[in-house]
Amino acid sequence: MEFNHYSVLLHETIDELNIKPDGIYVDGTTGGGGHSYEIASKLKDGRLICFDQDKDALAAASVRLEVFGDKITYVHSNYESMVSELKKLGISSVDGIVLDLGVSSFQLDTPERGFSYMVEDAPLDMRMNQESHRTAADIVNGYSEAELFRIIKEYGEDRFAKNIAKNICKAREEAPLETAGQLNRVIEASIPKRLQVTGGHPAKRTYQAIRIELNRELEVLEENLNDFISLLNDRGRICIITFHSLEDRIVKNNFKRNQEPCTCPKDFPVCVCGQVSKGKVITRKPILPSDEELEENSRSRSAKLRVFERKIV
């Protein structure tokens, strides 16, 4: 199957990066290479490092981007290893970073990857990195009721998390849940029928929760943003596209803290905590997809772009 991925907020992201022809840039979530292609096309003597933990994505991107030759270096790794992997390449600072945190259309539309609740016989997989051993099925069949409740409530923000967790545990006593169809039926039985008419597929929130837990998505984002901002050269920018409120909140709060890190009480006449601002938030409010983009790609509906610019004093 061809690796398709519509690059959300593509032109807005490229504009906000302020690309320098001789700069060094990082695409931390290369996917099908849409953002990478636009970055590389603006480079002359510059360099682009493409990260992805999905080998299928990197393979597809390398074909799409082969026209740029050795301007591009590919790294098969989660973006959490960005600092150490760049160090191996002799790079200690960069001019821009892009993170598109969405699941690619290829991953969603390839049944055997198990990301979608739309294919009944799809396996419960959901691994971004297919070399990792744990799958979604391990979480569904191995987590306690309390653990399932926690992730569905916290990461899925589903008000029926208690019911869903209880019914998953009850169903798996009969036999392990191995397919999307089996899990869907348990979830559908956990939510009142009258409420399933609106709000999209009843399994949507639970699948999001399991995927986030399995791939450590929020943990990786939260733990590495400070280091990514520190990687930037003066006036370098980091552009992050999020797709749900949990991610967006992490990015928004982190950017704000890096702009205004002072922890001194408001009534202190001077700062004594020693925390120095790393730069400024460029997007006071997130940049959203245009009406034209929404018409072309409905999956971009929840996308938000936030941008931070480094300032070295």
C-alpha atoms as a PDB file:
ATOM      1  CA  MET A   1       0.000   0.000   0.000  1.00  0.00           C
ATOM      2  CA  GLU A   2       1.247   3.475  -0.872  1.00  0.00           C
ATOM      3  CA  PHE A   3       2.185   5.682   2.071  1.00  0.00           C
ATOM      4  CA  ASN A   4      -0.286   8.545   1.934  1.00  0.00           C
ATOM      5  CA  HIS A   5      -0.324  11.333   4.462  1.00  0.00           C
ATOM      6  CA  TYR A   6      -1.939  14.711   3.979  1.00  0.00           C
ATOM      7  CA  SER A   7       0.422  17.207   5.606  1.00  0.00           C
ATOM      8  CA  VAL A   8      -1.819  19.297   7.831  1.00  0.00           C
ATOM      9  CA  LEU A   9      -1.199  23.069   8.081  1.00  0.00           C
ATOM     10  CA  LEU A  10       1.648  22.597   5.618  1.00  0.00           C
ATOM     11  CA  HIS A  11       2.081  26.122   4.266  1.00  0.00           C
ATOM     12  CA  GLU A  12       1.413  27.759   7.623  1.00  0.00           C
ATOM     13  CA  THR A  13       4.113  25.611   9.248  1.00  0.00           C
ATOM     14  CA  ILE A  14       6.687  26.309   6.527  1.00  0.00           C
ATOM     15  CA  ASP A  15       5.974  30.054   6.698  1.00  0.00           C
ATOM     16  CA  GLU A  16       6.384  30.095  10.491  1.00  0.00           C
ATOM     17  CA  LEU A  17       9.712  28.220  10.350  1.00  0.00           C
ATOM     18  CA  ASN A  18      11.406  31.213   8.653  1.00  0.00           C
ATOM     19  CA  ILE A  19      13.701  28.829   6.768  1.00  0.00           C
ATOM     20  CA  LYS A  20      17.271  29.955   6.065  1.00  0.00           C
ATOM     21  CA  PRO A  21      18.832  28.413   2.925  1.00  0.00           C
ATOM     22  CA  ASP A  22      21.963  27.409   4.867  1.00  0.00           C
ATOM     23  CA  GLY A  23      20.209  26.355   8.081  1.00  0.00           C
ATOM     24  CA  ILE A  24      19.926  22.995   9.829  1.00  0.00           C
ATOM     25  CA  TYR A  25      16.384  21.714  10.338  1.00  0.00           C
ATOM     26  CA  VAL A  26      14.759  18.693  11.979  1.00  0.00           C
ATOM     27  CA  ASP A  27      11.505  16.982  11.078  1.00  0.00           C
ATOM     28  CA  GLY A  28      10.852  14.922  14.196  1.00  0.00           C
ATOM     29  CA  THR A  29       7.826  13.103  12.765  1.00  0.00           C
ATOM     30  CA  THR A  30       8.590  12.721   9.074  1.00  0.00           C
ATOM     31  CA  GLY A  31       5.576  10.597   8.094  1.00  0.00           C
ATOM     32  CA  GLY A  32       5.112  10.703   4.340  1.00  0.00           C
ATOM     33  CA  GLY A  33       7.601  13.563   4.027  1.00  0.00           C
ATOM     34  CA  GLY A  34       5.229  16.428   3.207  1.00  0.00           C
ATOM     35  CA  HIS A  35       6.735  18.984   5.592  1.00  0.00           C
ATOM     36  CA  SER A  36      10.235  17.647   4.872  1.00  0.00           C
ATOM     37  CA  TYR A  37       9.801  18.142   1.123  1.00  0.00           C
ATOM     38  CA  GLU A  38       8.857  21.790   1.553  1.00  0.00           C
ATOM     39  CA  ILE A  39      11.712  22.430   3.998  1.00  0.00           C
ATOM     40  CA  ALA A  40      14.314  20.717   1.778  1.00  0.00           C
ATOM     41  CA  SER A  41      13.132  22.606  -1.309  1.00  0.00           C
ATOM     42  CA  LYS A  42      14.066  25.884   0.431  1.00  0.00           C
ATOM     43  CA  LEU A  43      17.572  24.732   1.409  1.00  0.00           C
ATOM     44  CA  LYS A  44      20.709  25.470  -0.628  1.00  0.00           C
ATOM     45  CA  ASP A  45      23.673  24.653   1.586  1.00  0.00           C
ATOM     46  CA  GLY A  46      21.443  23.655   4.493  1.00  0.00           C
ATOM     47  CA  ARG A  47      20.656  20.262   5.973  1.00  0.00           C
ATOM     48  CA  LEU A  48      17.534  18.404   7.072  1.00  0.00           C
ATOM     49  CA  ILE A  49      17.432  15.543   9.577  1.00  0.00           C
ATOM     50  CA  CYS A  50      14.332  13.341   9.245  1.00  0.00           C
ATOM     51  CA  PHE A  51      13.225  11.286  12.253  1.00  0.00           C
ATOM     52  CA  ASP A  52      10.483   8.670  12.376  1.00  0.00           C
ATOM     53  CA  GLN A  53       9.960   5.579  14.502  1.00  0.00           C
ATOM     54  CA  ASP A  54       7.911   3.990  11.694  1.00  0.00           C
ATOM     55  CA  LYS A  55      10.210   2.295   9.176  1.00  0.00           C
ATOM     56  CA  ASP A  56       7.449   2.297   6.536  1.00  0.00           C
ATOM     57  CA  ALA A  57       7.245   6.077   6.856  1.00  0.00           C
ATOM     58  CA  LEU A  58      10.993   6.581   6.513  1.00  0.00           C
ATOM     59  CA  ALA A  59      11.184   4.249   3.517  1.00  0.00           C
ATOM     60  CA  ALA A  60       8.373   6.123   1.754  1.00  0.00           C
ATOM     61  CA  ALA A  61       9.822   9.520   2.649  1.00  0.00           C
ATOM     62  CA  SER A  62      13.280   8.598   1.365  1.00  0.00           C
ATOM     63  CA  VAL A  63      11.758   7.799  -2.044  1.00  0.00           C
ATOM     64  CA  ARG A  64       9.778  11.037  -2.101  1.00  0.00           C
ATOM     65  CA  LEU A  65      12.791  13.065  -0.989  1.00  0.00           C
ATOM     66  CA  GLU A  66      15.533  11.338  -3.008  1.00  0.00           C
ATOM     67  CA  VAL A  67      15.708  14.367  -5.328  1.00  0.00           C
ATOM     68  CA  PHE A  68      17.410  16.265  -2.470  1.00  0.00           C
ATOM     69  CA  GLY A  69      20.256  13.756  -2.157  1.00  0.00           C
ATOM     70  CA  ASP A  70      22.648  14.201   0.750  1.00  0.00           C
ATOM     71  CA  LYS A  71      20.917  17.329   2.027  1.00  0.00           C
ATOM     72  CA  ILE A  72      18.814  14.881   4.031  1.00  0.00           C
ATOM     73  CA  THR A  73      19.807  12.407   6.748  1.00  0.00           C
ATOM     74  CA  TYR A  74      17.299   9.769   7.926  1.00  0.00           C
ATOM     75  CA  VAL A  75      17.117   8.524  11.511  1.00  0.00           C
ATOM     76  CA  HIS A  76      14.894   5.587  12.494  1.00  0.00           C
ATOM     77  CA  SER A  77      14.016   6.658  16.006  1.00  0.00           C
ATOM     78  CA  ASN A  78      11.365   8.234  18.173  1.00  0.00           C
ATOM     79  CA  TYR A  79      11.900  11.992  18.314  1.00  0.00           C
ATOM     80  CA  GLU A  80      12.636  11.639  22.035  1.00  0.00           C
ATOM     81  CA  SER A  81      16.168  10.619  20.975  1.00  0.00           C
ATOM     82  CA  MET A  82      16.635  13.797  18.929  1.00  0.00           C
ATOM     83  CA  VAL A  83      19.344  15.397  21.078  1.00  0.00           C
ATOM     84  CA  SER A  84      21.492  12.244  21.359  1.00  0.00           C
ATOM     85  CA  GLU A  85      21.030  11.266  17.693  1.00  0.00           C
ATOM     86  CA  LEU A  86      21.970  14.756  16.507  1.00  0.00           C
ATOM     87  CA  LYS A  87      25.024  14.627  18.732  1.00  0.00           C
ATOM     88  CA  LYS A  88      26.108  11.427  16.918  1.00  0.00           C
ATOM     89  CA  LEU A  89      25.864  13.419  13.681  1.00  0.00           C
ATOM     90  CA  GLY A  90      28.016  16.198  15.111  1.00  0.00           C
ATOM     91  CA  ILE A  91      25.094  18.607  15.449  1.00  0.00           C
ATOM     92  CA  SER A  92      24.717  20.556  18.696  1.00  0.00           C
ATOM     93  CA  SER A  93      22.186  23.184  17.580  1.00  0.00           C
ATOM     94  CA  VAL A  94      19.591  23.665  14.837  1.00  0.00           C
ATOM     95  CA  ASP A  95      17.612  26.460  13.191  1.00  0.00           C
ATOM     96  CA  GLY A  96      14.196  24.849  13.270  1.00  0.00           C
ATOM     97  CA  ILE A  97      12.191  21.836  14.413  1.00  0.00           C
ATOM     98  CA  VAL A  98       8.825  20.518  13.188  1.00  0.00           C
ATOM     99  CA  LEU A  99       6.645  18.020  15.060  1.00  0.00           C
ATOM    100  CA  ASP A 100       3.396  16.857  13.444  1.00  0.00           C
ATOM    101  CA  LEU A 101       1.884  14.731  16.204  1.00  0.00           C
ATOM    102  CA  GLY A 102      -0.938  13.189  14.185  1.00  0.00           C
ATOM    103  CA  VAL A 103      -1.341   9.566  13.133  1.00  0.00           C
ATOM    104  CA  SER A 104      -0.692   9.359   9.387  1.00  0.00           C
ATOM    105  CA  SER A 105      -3.430   8.521   6.900  1.00  0.00           C
ATOM    106  CA  PHE A 106      -1.356   5.492   5.905  1.00  0.00           C
ATOM    107  CA  GLN A 107      -1.351   4.181   9.470  1.00  0.00           C
ATOM    108  CA  LEU A 108      -5.078   4.781   9.859  1.00  0.00           C
ATOM    109  CA  ASP A 109      -5.944   3.257   6.486  1.00  0.00           C
ATOM    110  CA  THR A 110      -3.745   0.149   6.753  1.00  0.00           C
ATOM    111  CA  PRO A 111      -5.947  -2.369   8.616  1.00  0.00           C
ATOM    112  CA  GLU A 112      -3.085  -4.549   9.860  1.00  0.00           C
ATOM    113  CA  ARG A 113      -1.596  -1.574  11.734  1.00  0.00           C
ATOM    114  CA  GLY A 114      -4.661  -1.629  13.990  1.00  0.00           C
ATOM    115  CA  PHE A 115      -5.059   2.141  14.475  1.00  0.00           C
ATOM    116  CA  SER A 116      -8.615   2.334  13.163  1.00  0.00           C
ATOM    117  CA  TYR A 117     -11.847   1.185  14.778  1.00  0.00           C
ATOM    118  CA  MET A 118     -13.484   1.105  11.336  1.00  0.00           C
ATOM    119  CA  VAL A 119     -12.210  -2.333  10.234  1.00  0.00           C
ATOM    120  CA  GLU A 120     -13.839  -5.080  12.285  1.00  0.00           C
ATOM    121  CA  ASP A 121     -11.201  -7.782  11.800  1.00  0.00           C
ATOM    122  CA  ALA A 122      -8.177  -5.470  12.258  1.00  0.00           C
ATOM    123  CA  PRO A 123      -5.788  -6.635  15.009  1.00  0.00           C
ATOM    124  CA  LEU A 124      -5.380  -4.552  18.145  1.00  0.00           C
ATOM    125  CA  ASP A 125      -1.875  -3.343  17.322  1.00  0.00           C
ATOM    126  CA  MET A 126      -1.442   0.488  17.227  1.00  0.00           C
ATOM    127  CA  ARG A 127       2.377   0.423  17.413  1.00  0.00           C
ATOM    128  CA  MET A 128       4.017   3.493  15.874  1.00  0.00           C
ATOM    129  CA  ASN A 129       7.273   1.531  15.943  1.00  0.00           C
ATOM    130  CA  GLN A 130       6.631  -1.984  14.704  1.00  0.00           C
ATOM    131  CA  GLU A 131       9.871  -3.179  16.257  1.00  0.00           C
ATOM    132  CA  SER A 132       8.495  -2.651  19.760  1.00  0.00           C
ATOM    133  CA  HIS A 133       7.052  -5.780  21.340  1.00  0.00           C
ATOM    134  CA  ARG A 134       3.997  -4.525  23.238  1.00  0.00           C
ATOM    135  CA  THR A 135       0.760  -3.997  21.303  1.00  0.00           C
ATOM    136  CA  ALA A 136      -2.659  -2.528  22.051  1.00  0.00           C
ATOM    137  CA  ALA A 137      -3.910  -6.068  22.690  1.00  0.00           C
ATOM    138  CA  ASP A 138      -1.433  -6.377  25.573  1.00  0.00           C
ATOM    139  CA  ILE A 139      -2.952  -3.307  27.200  1.00  0.00           C
ATOM    140  CA  VAL A 140      -6.563  -4.339  26.562  1.00  0.00           C
ATOM    141  CA  ASN A 141      -6.014  -7.855  27.887  1.00  0.00           C
ATOM    142  CA  GLY A 142      -3.311  -7.216  30.470  1.00  0.00           C
ATOM    143  CA  TYR A 143      -4.129  -3.986  32.306  1.00  0.00           C
ATOM    144  CA  SER A 144      -6.177  -4.122  35.485  1.00  0.00           C
ATOM    145  CA  GLU A 145      -9.625  -2.536  35.564  1.00  0.00           C
ATOM    146  CA  ALA A 146      -8.200   0.391  37.548  1.00  0.00           C
ATOM    147  CA  GLU A 147      -5.413   0.931  34.987  1.00  0.00           C
ATOM    148  CA  LEU A 148      -7.836   0.764  32.056  1.00  0.00           C
ATOM    149  CA  PHE A 149     -10.165   3.214  33.803  1.00  0.00           C
ATOM    150  CA  ARG A 150      -7.257   5.617  34.389  1.00  0.00           C
ATOM    151  CA  ILE A 151      -6.054   5.750  30.781  1.00  0.00           C
ATOM    152  CA  ILE A 152      -9.538   5.866  29.215  1.00  0.00           C
ATOM    153  CA  LYS A 153     -10.564   8.651  31.618  1.00  0.00           C
ATOM    154  CA  GLU A 154      -7.287  10.586  31.425  1.00  0.00           C
ATOM    155  CA  TYR A 155      -6.188  10.080  27.813  1.00  0.00           C
ATOM    156  CA  GLY A 156      -9.575   9.447  26.200  1.00  0.00           C
ATOM    157  CA  GLU A 157     -11.485  11.950  28.349  1.00  0.00           C
ATOM    158  CA  ASP A 158     -14.431   9.556  28.136  1.00  0.00           C
ATOM    159  CA  ARG A 159     -17.118   9.991  30.785  1.00  0.00           C
ATOM    160  CA  PHE A 160     -18.046   6.308  30.443  1.00  0.00           C
ATOM    161  CA  ALA A 161     -14.492   5.157  31.238  1.00  0.00           C
ATOM    162  CA  LYS A 162     -15.621   3.237  34.337  1.00  0.00           C
ATOM    163  CA  ASN A 163     -18.203   1.244  32.363  1.00  0.00           C
ATOM    164  CA  ILE A 164     -15.811   0.574  29.482  1.00  0.00           C
ATOM    165  CA  ALA A 165     -12.999  -0.635  31.761  1.00  0.00           C
ATOM    166  CA  LYS A 166     -15.354  -2.888  33.723  1.00  0.00           C
ATOM    167  CA  ASN A 167     -16.863  -4.404  30.579  1.00  0.00           C
ATOM    168  CA  ILE A 168     -13.466  -4.989  28.931  1.00  0.00           C
ATOM    169  CA  CYS A 169     -12.358  -6.988  31.978  1.00  0.00           C
ATOM    170  CA  LYS A 170     -15.619  -8.925  32.004  1.00  0.00           C
ATOM    171  CA  ALA A 171     -15.438  -9.742  28.265  1.00  0.00           C
ATOM    172  CA  ARG A 172     -11.823 -10.901  28.316  1.00  0.00           C
ATOM    173  CA  GLU A 173     -12.649 -13.471  31.021  1.00  0.00           C
ATOM    174  CA  GLU A 174     -14.427 -15.416  28.267  1.00  0.00           C
ATOM    175  CA  ALA A 175     -11.628 -15.004  25.703  1.00  0.00           C
ATOM    176  CA  PRO A 176      -8.921 -12.430  24.911  1.00  0.00           C
ATOM    177  CA  LEU A 177     -10.035  -9.408  22.871  1.00  0.00           C
ATOM    178  CA  GLU A 178      -7.959  -9.571  19.694  1.00  0.00           C
ATOM    179  CA  THR A 179      -9.739  -7.527  17.017  1.00  0.00           C
ATOM    180  CA  ALA A 180     -11.219  -4.061  16.602  1.00  0.00           C
ATOM    181  CA  GLY A 181     -14.678  -5.581  16.172  1.00  0.00           C
ATOM    182  CA  GLN A 182     -14.500  -7.406  19.506  1.00  0.00           C
ATOM    183  CA  LEU A 183     -13.357  -4.294  21.355  1.00  0.00           C
ATOM    184  CA  ASN A 184     -15.892  -2.088  19.558  1.00  0.00           C
ATOM    185  CA  ARG A 185     -18.794  -4.258  20.688  1.00  0.00           C
ATOM    186  CA  VAL A 186     -17.670  -4.039  24.315  1.00  0.00           C
ATOM    187  CA  ILE A 187     -17.345  -0.248  24.098  1.00  0.00           C
ATOM    188  CA  GLU A 188     -20.711   0.155  22.344  1.00  0.00           C
ATOM    189  CA  ALA A 189     -22.380  -1.902  25.085  1.00  0.00           C
ATOM    190  CA  SER A 190     -20.848   0.440  27.689  1.00  0.00           C
ATOM    191  CA  ILE A 191     -22.342   3.670  26.348  1.00  0.00           C
ATOM    192  CA  PRO A 192     -26.077   4.505  26.324  1.00  0.00           C
ATOM    193  CA  LYS A 193     -27.510   4.034  22.818  1.00  0.00           C
ATOM    194  CA  ARG A 194     -29.180   7.466  22.773  1.00  0.00           C
ATOM    195  CA  LEU A 195     -25.754   9.102  23.188  1.00  0.00           C
ATOM    196  CA  GLN A 196     -24.155   7.152  20.345  1.00  0.00           C
ATOM    197  CA  VAL A 197     -26.153   9.084  17.741  1.00  0.00           C
ATOM    198  CA  THR A 198     -23.953  12.184  18.120  1.00  0.00           C
ATOM    199  CA  GLY A 199     -20.262  12.703  18.875  1.00  0.00           C
ATOM    200  CA  GLY A 200     -18.722  10.338  16.349  1.00  0.00           C
ATOM    201  CA  HIS A 201     -17.862   6.661  16.763  1.00  0.00           C
ATOM    202  CA  PRO A 202     -18.288   5.486  20.402  1.00  0.00           C
ATOM    203  CA  ALA A 203     -14.866   3.772  20.310  1.00  0.00           C
ATOM    204  CA  LYS A 204     -12.950   6.882  19.218  1.00  0.00           C
ATOM    205  CA  ARG A 205     -11.929   8.064  22.687  1.00  0.00           C
ATOM    206  CA  THR A 206     -10.921   4.629  23.957  1.00  0.00           C
ATOM    207  CA  TYR A 207      -8.741   3.972  20.908  1.00  0.00           C
ATOM    208  CA  GLN A 208      -7.073   7.357  21.379  1.00  0.00           C
ATOM    209  CA  ALA A 209      -6.388   6.502  25.020  1.00  0.00           C
ATOM    210  CA  ILE A 210      -4.885   3.095  24.261  1.00  0.00           C
ATOM    211  CA  ARG A 211      -2.730   4.503  21.438  1.00  0.00           C
ATOM    212  CA  ILE A 212      -1.403   7.303  23.643  1.00  0.00           C
ATOM    213  CA  GLU A 213      -0.578   4.884  26.450  1.00  0.00           C
ATOM    214  CA  LEU A 214       1.035   2.312  24.168  1.00  0.00           C
ATOM    215  CA  ASN A 215       3.259   4.804  22.345  1.00  0.00           C
ATOM    216  CA  ARG A 216       3.934   6.994  25.432  1.00  0.00           C
ATOM    217  CA  GLU A 217       2.891   9.981  23.346  1.00  0.00           C
ATOM    218  CA  LEU A 218       2.220  12.565  26.067  1.00  0.00           C
ATOM    219  CA  GLU A 219       5.146  11.429  28.195  1.00  0.00           C
ATOM    220  CA  VAL A 220       7.613  11.756  25.304  1.00  0.00           C
ATOM    221  CA  LEU A 221       6.265  15.193  24.376  1.00  0.00           C
ATOM    222  CA  GLU A 222       6.299  16.594  27.902  1.00  0.00           C
ATOM    223  CA  GLU A 223       9.726  15.245  28.837  1.00  0.00           C
ATOM    224  CA  ASN A 224      11.569  16.569  25.772  1.00  0.00           C
ATOM    225  CA  LEU A 225      10.181  19.992  24.853  1.00  0.00           C
ATOM    226  CA  ASN A 226      12.605  21.930  27.063  1.00  0.00           C
ATOM    227  CA  ASP A 227      15.567  20.160  25.450  1.00  0.00           C
ATOM    228  CA  PHE A 228      14.234  20.855  21.952  1.00  0.00           C
ATOM    229  CA  ILE A 229      13.914  24.576  22.677  1.00  0.00           C
ATOM    230  CA  SER A 230      17.467  24.553  24.071  1.00  0.00           C
ATOM    231  CA  LEU A 231      18.644  22.981  20.791  1.00  0.00           C
ATOM    232  CA  LEU A 232      17.555  26.014  18.801  1.00  0.00           C
ATOM    233  CA  ASN A 233      19.944  28.680  17.596  1.00  0.00           C
ATOM    234  CA  ASP A 234      19.119  32.347  18.201  1.00  0.00           C
ATOM    235  CA  ARG A 235      15.816  33.116  16.391  1.00  0.00           C
ATOM    236  CA  GLY A 236      15.392  29.432  15.589  1.00  0.00           C
ATOM    237  CA  ARG A 237      11.802  28.197  15.767  1.00  0.00           C
ATOM    238  CA  ILE A 238       9.947  25.068  16.835  1.00  0.00           C
ATOM    239  CA  CYS A 239       6.558  24.422  15.183  1.00  0.00           C
ATOM    240  CA  ILE A 240       4.269  21.808  16.754  1.00  0.00           C
ATOM    241  CA  ILE A 241       0.981  20.555  15.302  1.00  0.00           C
ATOM    242  CA  THR A 242      -1.302  18.850  17.821  1.00  0.00           C
ATOM    243  CA  PHE A 243      -4.570  16.995  17.317  1.00  0.00           C
ATOM    244  CA  HIS A 244      -6.223  16.817  20.725  1.00  0.00           C
ATOM    245  CA  SER A 245      -6.549  18.988  23.819  1.00  0.00           C
ATOM    246  CA  LEU A 246      -4.111  16.962  25.948  1.00  0.00           C
ATOM    247  CA  GLU A 247      -1.210  17.507  23.530  1.00  0.00           C
ATOM    248  CA  ASP A 248      -2.147  21.115  22.894  1.00  0.00           C
ATOM    249  CA  ARG A 249      -2.257  21.900  26.619  1.00  0.00           C
ATOM    250  CA  ILE A 250       1.243  20.457  27.122  1.00  0.00           C
ATOM    251  CA  VAL A 251       2.664  22.526  24.247  1.00  0.00           C
ATOM    252  CA  LYS A 252       0.835  25.728  25.240  1.00  0.00           C
ATOM    253  CA  ASN A 253       1.931  25.519  28.892  1.00  0.00           C
ATOM    254  CA  ASN A 254       5.506  24.571  28.030  1.00  0.00           C
ATOM    255  CA  PHE A 255       5.924  27.441  25.581  1.00  0.00           C
ATOM    256  CA  LYS A 256       4.513  29.866  28.157  1.00  0.00           C
ATOM    257  CA  ARG A 257       6.909  28.590  30.862  1.00  0.00           C
ATOM    258  CA  ASN A 258       9.885  28.935  28.522  1.00  0.00           C
ATOM    259  CA  GLN A 259       8.872  32.507  27.723  1.00  0.00           C
ATOM    260  CA  GLU A 260       8.164  33.477  31.347  1.00  0.00           C
ATOM    261  CA  PRO A 261      10.099  31.056  33.607  1.00  0.00           C
ATOM    262  CA  CYS A 262      10.394  33.346  36.639  1.00  0.00           C
ATOM    263  CA  THR A 263       9.010  31.637  39.776  1.00  0.00           C
ATOM    264  CA  CYS A 264       9.407  34.630  42.107  1.00  0.00           C
ATOM    265  CA  PRO A 265       6.312  35.924  43.945  1.00  0.00           C
ATOM    266  CA  LYS A 266       4.547  38.725  42.056  1.00  0.00           C
ATOM    267  CA  ASP A 267       5.343  41.284  44.764  1.00  0.00           C
ATOM    268  CA  PHE A 268       9.136  40.768  44.564  1.00  0.00           C
ATOM    269  CA  PRO A 269      10.755  43.987  43.241  1.00  0.00           C
ATOM    270  CA  VAL A 270      13.441  42.031  41.331  1.00  0.00           C
ATOM    271  CA  CYS A 271      13.845  38.454  40.131  1.00  0.00           C
ATOM    272  CA  VAL A 272      15.952  36.292  42.455  1.00  0.00           C
ATOM    273  CA  CYS A 273      15.097  32.818  41.082  1.00  0.00           C
ATOM    274  CA  GLY A 274      17.605  33.170  38.249  1.00  0.00           C
ATOM    275  CA  GLN A 275      15.311  31.642  35.631  1.00  0.00           C
ATOM    276  CA  VAL A 276      15.997  33.220  32.238  1.00  0.00           C
ATOM    277  CA  SER A 277      13.525  33.357  29.356  1.00  0.00           C
ATOM    278  CA  LYS A 278      14.457  31.154  26.387  1.00  0.00           C
ATOM    279  CA  GLY A 279      12.483  33.190  23.886  1.00  0.00           C
ATOM    280  CA  LYS A 280       8.933  34.106  22.948  1.00  0.00           C
ATOM    281  CA  VAL A 281       5.674  32.472  21.967  1.00  0.00           C
ATOM    282  CA  ILE A 282       4.902  33.488  18.384  1.00  0.00           C
ATOM    283  CA  THR A 283       1.338  32.138  18.400  1.00  0.00           C
ATOM    284  CA  ARG A 284      -0.663  33.738  21.221  1.00  0.00           C
ATOM    285  CA  LYS A 285      -3.558  31.712  19.844  1.00  0.00           C
ATOM    286  CA  PRO A 286      -2.959  28.536  17.811  1.00  0.00           C
ATOM    287  CA  ILE A 287      -3.067  28.644  14.018  1.00  0.00           C
ATOM    288  CA  LEU A 288      -6.000  26.587  12.720  1.00  0.00           C
ATOM    289  CA  PRO A 289      -6.660  24.985   9.322  1.00  0.00           C
ATOM    290  CA  SER A 290      -8.297  27.183   6.703  1.00  0.00           C
ATOM    291  CA  ASP A 291     -11.795  26.491   5.399  1.00  0.00           C
ATOM    292  CA  GLU A 292     -10.207  25.247   2.162  1.00  0.00           C
ATOM    293  CA  GLU A 293      -8.052  22.758   4.045  1.00  0.00           C
ATOM    294  CA  LEU A 294     -10.988  21.527   6.111  1.00  0.00           C
ATOM    295  CA  GLU A 295     -12.907  20.940   2.896  1.00  0.00           C
ATOM    296  CA  GLU A 296     -10.001  19.001   1.400  1.00  0.00           C
ATOM    297  CA  ASN A 297      -9.115  16.961   4.479  1.00  0.00           C
ATOM    298  CA  SER A 298     -11.666  16.468   7.264  1.00  0.00           C
ATOM    299  CA  ARG A 299      -8.991  14.835   9.465  1.00  0.00           C
ATOM    300  CA  SER A 300      -7.357  18.246   9.895  1.00  0.00           C
ATOM    301  CA  ARG A 301     -10.382  19.541  11.824  1.00  0.00           C
ATOM    302  CA  SER A 302      -8.799  19.248  15.276  1.00  0.00           C
ATOM    303  CA  ALA A 303      -5.298  20.396  14.252  1.00  0.00           C
ATOM    304  CA  LYS A 304      -3.607  23.318  16.020  1.00  0.00           C
ATOM    305  CA  LEU A 305      -0.209  24.828  15.254  1.00  0.00           C
ATOM    306  CA  ARG A 306       1.826  26.550  17.960  1.00  0.00           C
ATOM    307  CA  VAL A 307       5.198  28.227  17.410  1.00  0.00           C
ATOM    308  CA  PHE A 308       8.021  29.259  19.753  1.00  0.00           C
ATOM    309  CA  GLU A 309      11.059  31.340  18.804  1.00  0.00           C
ATOM    310  CA  ARG A 310      14.360  31.024  20.660  1.00  0.00           C
ATOM    311  CA  LYS A 311      16.079  34.162  21.897  1.00  0.00           C
ATOM    312  CA  ILE A 312      19.622  33.805  23.221  1.00  0.00           C
ATOM    313  CA  VAL A 313      20.617  36.727  25.423  1.00  0.00           C
END
